[in-house]
Protein backbone atom coordinates (compact mmCIF):
# COMPACT_ATOMS: atom_id res chain seq x y z
CA UNK A 1 4.74 10.39 -17.44
CA UNK A 2 3.75 13.95 -18.32
CA UNK A 3 6.47 16.61 -18.22
CA UNK A 4 3.91 19.38 -17.63
CA UNK A 5 4.58 21.02 -14.23
CA UNK A 6 1.98 20.11 -11.65
CA UNK A 7 0.21 22.75 -9.55
CA UNK A 8 2.02 23.00 -6.20
CA UNK A 9 0.58 21.31 -3.12
CA UNK A 10 1.93 22.03 0.35
CA UNK A 11 2.40 19.45 3.12
CA UNK A 12 2.64 16.42 0.87
CA UNK A 13 2.19 13.01 2.47
CA UNK A 14 5.33 10.89 2.48
CA UNK A 15 3.49 7.57 2.37
CA UNK A 16 0.15 6.91 0.66
CA UNK A 17 -1.64 3.57 1.01
CA UNK A 18 -4.54 2.55 -1.23
CA UNK A 19 -7.17 -0.17 -0.85
CA UNK A 20 -8.03 -0.72 -4.52
CA UNK A 21 -11.67 -1.75 -4.16
CA UNK A 22 -14.48 -2.04 -6.69
CA UNK A 23 -13.06 -4.08 -9.57
CA UNK A 24 -15.83 -6.71 -9.56
CA UNK A 25 -18.56 -4.09 -9.31
CA UNK A 26 -16.96 -2.17 -12.17
CA UNK A 27 -17.04 -5.30 -14.32
CA UNK A 28 -20.70 -5.96 -13.53
CA UNK A 29 -21.68 -2.32 -14.11
CA UNK A 30 -20.08 -2.42 -17.55
CA UNK A 31 -21.37 -5.92 -18.41
CA UNK A 32 -17.82 -7.25 -18.76
CA UNK A 33 -16.86 -10.89 -18.74
CA UNK A 34 -16.03 -12.46 -15.37
CA UNK A 35 -12.67 -11.20 -14.13
CA UNK A 36 -12.42 -8.35 -16.64
CA UNK A 37 -12.96 -5.80 -13.89
CA UNK A 38 -9.76 -6.98 -12.24
CA UNK A 39 -7.90 -6.53 -15.52
CA UNK A 40 -9.19 -2.94 -15.74
CA UNK A 41 -8.08 -2.45 -12.13
CA UNK A 42 -4.57 -3.65 -12.92
CA UNK A 43 -4.32 -1.11 -15.74
CA UNK A 44 -5.51 1.70 -13.45
CA UNK A 45 -2.42 1.42 -11.26
CA UNK A 46 0.19 2.73 -13.71
CA UNK A 47 -0.99 6.37 -13.94
CA UNK A 48 -1.39 6.54 -10.16
CA UNK A 49 2.19 5.32 -9.63
CA UNK A 50 3.54 7.82 -12.15
CA UNK A 51 1.54 10.66 -10.63
CA UNK A 52 2.78 9.87 -7.12
CA UNK A 53 6.33 9.90 -8.46
CA UNK A 54 5.78 13.25 -10.15
CA UNK A 55 4.29 14.64 -6.96
CA UNK A 56 7.28 13.57 -4.89
CA UNK A 57 5.51 10.90 -2.83
CA UNK A 58 8.20 8.66 -1.34
CA UNK A 59 6.17 5.47 -0.70
CA UNK A 60 3.01 4.12 -2.32
CA UNK A 61 1.56 0.91 -0.86
CA UNK A 62 -1.33 -0.82 -2.62
CA UNK A 63 -3.51 -3.67 -1.34
CA UNK A 64 -3.55 -6.21 -4.19
CA UNK A 65 -4.65 -9.41 -2.41
CA UNK A 66 -5.57 -9.81 1.24
CA UNK A 67 -5.18 -12.83 3.49
CA UNK A 68 -8.99 -13.03 3.47
CA UNK A 69 -9.16 -13.05 -0.33
CA UNK A 70 -8.05 -16.69 -0.34
CA UNK A 71 -11.68 -17.48 0.55
CA UNK A 72 -12.95 -16.17 -2.79
CA UNK A 73 -14.06 -18.59 -5.55
CA UNK A 74 -11.06 -20.53 -6.86
CA UNK A 75 -11.36 -19.29 -10.47
CA UNK A 76 -11.19 -15.68 -9.22
CA UNK A 77 -8.20 -16.48 -6.99
CA UNK A 78 -6.43 -18.14 -9.92
CA UNK A 79 -7.09 -15.10 -12.09
CA UNK A 80 -5.82 -12.71 -9.42
CA UNK A 81 -2.63 -14.73 -8.99
CA UNK A 82 -2.05 -14.65 -12.76
CA UNK A 83 -2.70 -10.91 -12.85
CA UNK A 84 -0.18 -10.42 -10.04
CA UNK A 85 2.44 -12.27 -12.09
CA UNK A 86 1.56 -10.18 -15.13
CA UNK A 87 1.74 -7.00 -13.06
CA UNK A 88 5.27 -7.79 -11.86
CA UNK A 89 6.45 -8.58 -15.41
CA UNK A 90 4.90 -5.33 -16.67
CA UNK A 91 6.11 -3.18 -13.77
CA UNK A 92 9.77 -4.17 -13.86
CA UNK A 93 10.64 -2.17 -17.00
CA UNK A 94 8.71 0.78 -15.58
CA UNK A 95 10.55 0.51 -12.26
CA UNK A 96 13.86 0.57 -14.10
CA UNK A 97 12.76 3.50 -16.28
CA UNK A 98 11.61 5.64 -13.36
CA UNK A 99 14.07 4.26 -10.76
CA UNK A 100 11.33 3.05 -8.43
CA UNK A 101 12.01 0.38 -5.85
CA UNK A 102 9.51 -2.49 -5.92
CA UNK A 103 8.70 -4.35 -2.70
CA UNK A 104 6.17 -6.89 -1.52
CA UNK A 105 4.66 -7.56 1.89
CA UNK A 106 2.53 -10.48 3.00
CA UNK A 107 2.67 -14.18 3.75
CA UNK A 108 4.64 -15.52 0.78
CA UNK A 109 4.77 -19.09 2.08
CA UNK A 110 1.33 -19.89 0.65
CA UNK A 111 2.03 -18.39 -2.78
CA UNK A 112 3.12 -20.62 -5.63
CA UNK A 113 6.92 -20.98 -5.94
CA UNK A 114 7.06 -19.28 -9.34
CA UNK A 115 5.35 -16.17 -7.99
CA UNK A 116 7.59 -16.16 -4.91
CA UNK A 117 10.70 -16.35 -7.11
CA UNK A 118 9.38 -13.59 -9.38
CA UNK A 119 8.74 -11.32 -6.39
CA UNK A 120 12.20 -11.93 -4.93
CA UNK A 121 13.88 -11.27 -8.28
CA UNK A 122 11.95 -8.02 -8.78
CA UNK A 123 12.96 -6.82 -5.32
CA UNK A 124 16.61 -7.62 -5.99
CA UNK A 125 16.63 -5.90 -9.37
CA UNK A 126 15.14 -2.67 -8.02
CA UNK A 127 16.65 -2.58 -4.52
CA UNK A 128 19.08 0.24 -5.39
CA UNK A 129 16.44 2.66 -6.72
CA UNK A 130 15.51 5.58 -4.48
CA UNK A 131 13.17 7.89 -6.40
CA UNK A 132 10.12 6.19 -4.87
CA UNK A 133 9.11 2.85 -3.37
CA UNK A 134 6.10 0.94 -4.67
CA UNK A 135 4.89 -1.67 -2.17
CA UNK A 136 2.42 -4.34 -3.29
CA UNK A 137 0.63 -6.18 -0.47
CA UNK A 138 -0.05 -9.79 -1.51
CA UNK A 139 -1.56 -12.39 0.83
CA UNK A 140 -1.31 -9.69 3.49
CA UNK A 141 -3.30 -9.06 6.65
CA UNK A 142 -2.61 -6.49 9.35
CA UNK A 143 -3.36 -8.94 12.18
CA UNK A 144 -0.98 -11.49 10.63
CA UNK A 145 1.66 -8.75 10.40
CA UNK A 146 1.40 -7.82 14.08
CA UNK A 147 1.23 -11.47 15.21
CA UNK A 148 4.37 -12.25 13.22
CA UNK A 149 6.19 -9.34 14.84
CA UNK A 150 5.17 -10.63 18.28
CA UNK A 151 6.39 -14.13 17.39
CA UNK A 152 9.80 -12.72 16.47
CA UNK A 153 10.01 -10.92 19.79
CA UNK A 154 8.83 -14.02 21.67
CA UNK A 155 11.69 -16.00 20.13
CA UNK A 156 14.15 -13.37 21.36
CA UNK A 157 12.67 -13.65 24.85
CA UNK A 158 12.83 -17.45 24.69
CA UNK A 159 16.49 -17.27 23.67
CA UNK A 160 17.31 -14.94 26.55
CA UNK A 161 18.14 -11.99 24.30
CA UNK A 162 15.18 -9.90 25.39
CA UNK A 163 13.22 -9.38 28.61
CA UNK A 164 9.39 -9.26 28.42
CA UNK A 165 9.42 -5.83 30.06
CA UNK A 166 11.58 -4.56 27.20
CA UNK A 167 8.76 -5.06 24.71
CA UNK A 168 6.97 -1.82 23.90
CA UNK A 169 5.27 -0.15 20.95
CA UNK A 170 8.54 1.09 19.49
CA UNK A 171 10.02 -2.41 19.55
CA UNK A 172 6.97 -4.00 17.95
CA UNK A 173 7.04 -1.26 15.33
CA UNK A 174 10.57 -2.30 14.41
CA UNK A 175 9.38 -5.81 13.53
CA UNK A 176 6.23 -5.19 11.49
CA UNK A 177 6.30 -4.93 7.73
CA UNK A 178 7.59 -1.64 6.34
CA UNK A 179 9.35 -0.74 9.58
CA UNK A 180 12.09 0.93 7.50
CA UNK A 181 9.83 3.43 5.71
CA UNK A 182 7.65 6.28 7.05
CA UNK A 183 4.35 5.25 8.58
CA UNK A 184 1.32 5.74 6.39
CA UNK A 185 0.26 9.40 6.27
CA UNK A 186 -2.75 8.96 4.05
CA UNK A 187 -5.05 5.98 3.40
CA UNK A 188 -7.37 5.95 0.40
CA UNK A 189 -10.12 3.39 -0.11
CA UNK A 190 -12.05 3.35 -3.36
CA UNK A 191 -15.32 1.56 -4.05
CA UNK A 192 -17.64 3.16 -1.50
CA UNK A 193 -16.80 0.98 1.53
CA UNK A 194 -15.93 2.66 4.84
CA UNK A 195 -13.55 0.20 6.50
CA UNK A 196 -9.86 -0.63 6.44
CA UNK A 197 -10.30 -4.41 6.05
CA UNK A 198 -7.29 -5.59 8.06
CA UNK A 199 -4.85 -3.48 6.03
CA UNK A 200 -1.69 -2.08 7.67
CA UNK A 201 -3.34 -1.92 11.10
CA UNK A 202 -0.14 -0.92 12.88
CA UNK A 203 1.13 1.44 10.21
CA UNK A 204 -2.19 3.32 9.94
CA UNK A 205 -2.20 4.49 13.57
CA UNK A 206 -2.15 8.20 12.66
CA UNK A 207 -3.07 8.11 8.99
CA UNK A 208 -5.59 10.51 7.52
CA UNK A 209 -8.44 8.48 6.01
CA UNK A 210 -10.05 9.13 2.64
CA UNK A 211 -13.02 7.19 1.25
CA UNK A 212 -14.55 7.56 -2.20
CA UNK A 213 -17.44 5.88 -3.98
CA UNK A 214 -15.37 5.84 -7.17
CA UNK A 215 -14.63 2.28 -8.22
CA UNK A 216 -10.92 1.56 -8.51
CA UNK A 217 -10.74 1.28 -12.33
CA UNK A 218 -12.31 4.77 -12.53
CA UNK A 219 -10.02 6.31 -9.91
CA UNK A 220 -7.74 8.82 -11.58
CA UNK A 221 -5.05 11.37 -10.88
CA UNK A 222 -7.44 14.33 -10.62
CA UNK A 223 -9.31 12.73 -7.73
CA UNK A 224 -6.02 11.70 -6.15
CA UNK A 225 -4.79 15.29 -6.38
CA UNK A 226 -7.93 16.59 -4.69
CA UNK A 227 -7.35 14.17 -1.83
CA UNK A 228 -3.69 15.17 -1.52
CA UNK A 229 -4.76 18.83 -1.45
CA UNK A 230 -7.27 18.02 1.30
CA UNK A 231 -4.55 16.16 3.21
CA UNK A 232 -2.33 19.24 3.07
CA UNK A 233 -5.10 21.34 4.60
CA UNK A 234 -5.73 19.00 7.53
CA UNK A 235 -4.23 19.67 10.96
CA UNK A 236 -2.38 16.59 12.15
CA UNK A 237 -2.12 16.81 15.92
CA UNK A 238 -0.80 13.37 16.94
CA UNK A 239 -2.47 13.69 20.33
CA UNK A 240 -1.49 17.33 20.90
CA UNK A 241 -3.77 20.36 20.99
CA UNK A 242 -4.19 22.71 18.07
CA UNK A 243 -2.37 25.39 20.04
CA UNK A 244 0.64 23.16 20.55
CA UNK A 245 0.80 22.25 16.87
CA UNK A 246 0.48 25.87 15.78
CA UNK A 247 3.16 27.00 18.25
CA UNK A 248 5.54 24.34 16.92
CA UNK A 249 4.92 25.55 13.37
CA UNK A 250 5.78 29.14 14.26
């Protein structure tokens, strides 16, 4: 990580989420062997993590493998699972070096046992770090996340520990993934697609959205900085009027 001071940016987001899209198209555009685009995409993550740390971002969540990605061709799924294992092995020393907490969200029950054990061990080893949190979403879907939260609340109702009328948005929010970190302030999607693809549906409620045609392996810190600068210049009203927000700032 560079020790050169970064130009100041006001109103930094606390939590950035990234849909890392465009690996396959990158591979085809560069005439790479099948799957090589995903390998390039894996390598693109490290400088982004380090830059977020240097900028003072508290949480970075990246979409590595969605619940819908299981429908991809089996050789590609197998490659992605292997790359996820490699990523965890490679990231652990970096997490220790930079004191970054590593976490995972998603339906682990359908992952292979070795990957599940590796994820759990990585979380345990880095649980005490507090410089930044890196969250990797694996086998994750926003609808699955919300449905699981509702199931947990339904069990409480069934057991007589909760009344149906007690269930509200705040309570559901306490049971979705990442309920213990700030909600997403800023969502970035690379690859030229303009959708959120079932990613962090609950947590994105008031996120500022950024879309770029840049394919993920080409996405770098300069473009990230421009987006963060744009974020700082946006007025986030959260349902209020501009006048109310400006009066609160004064």
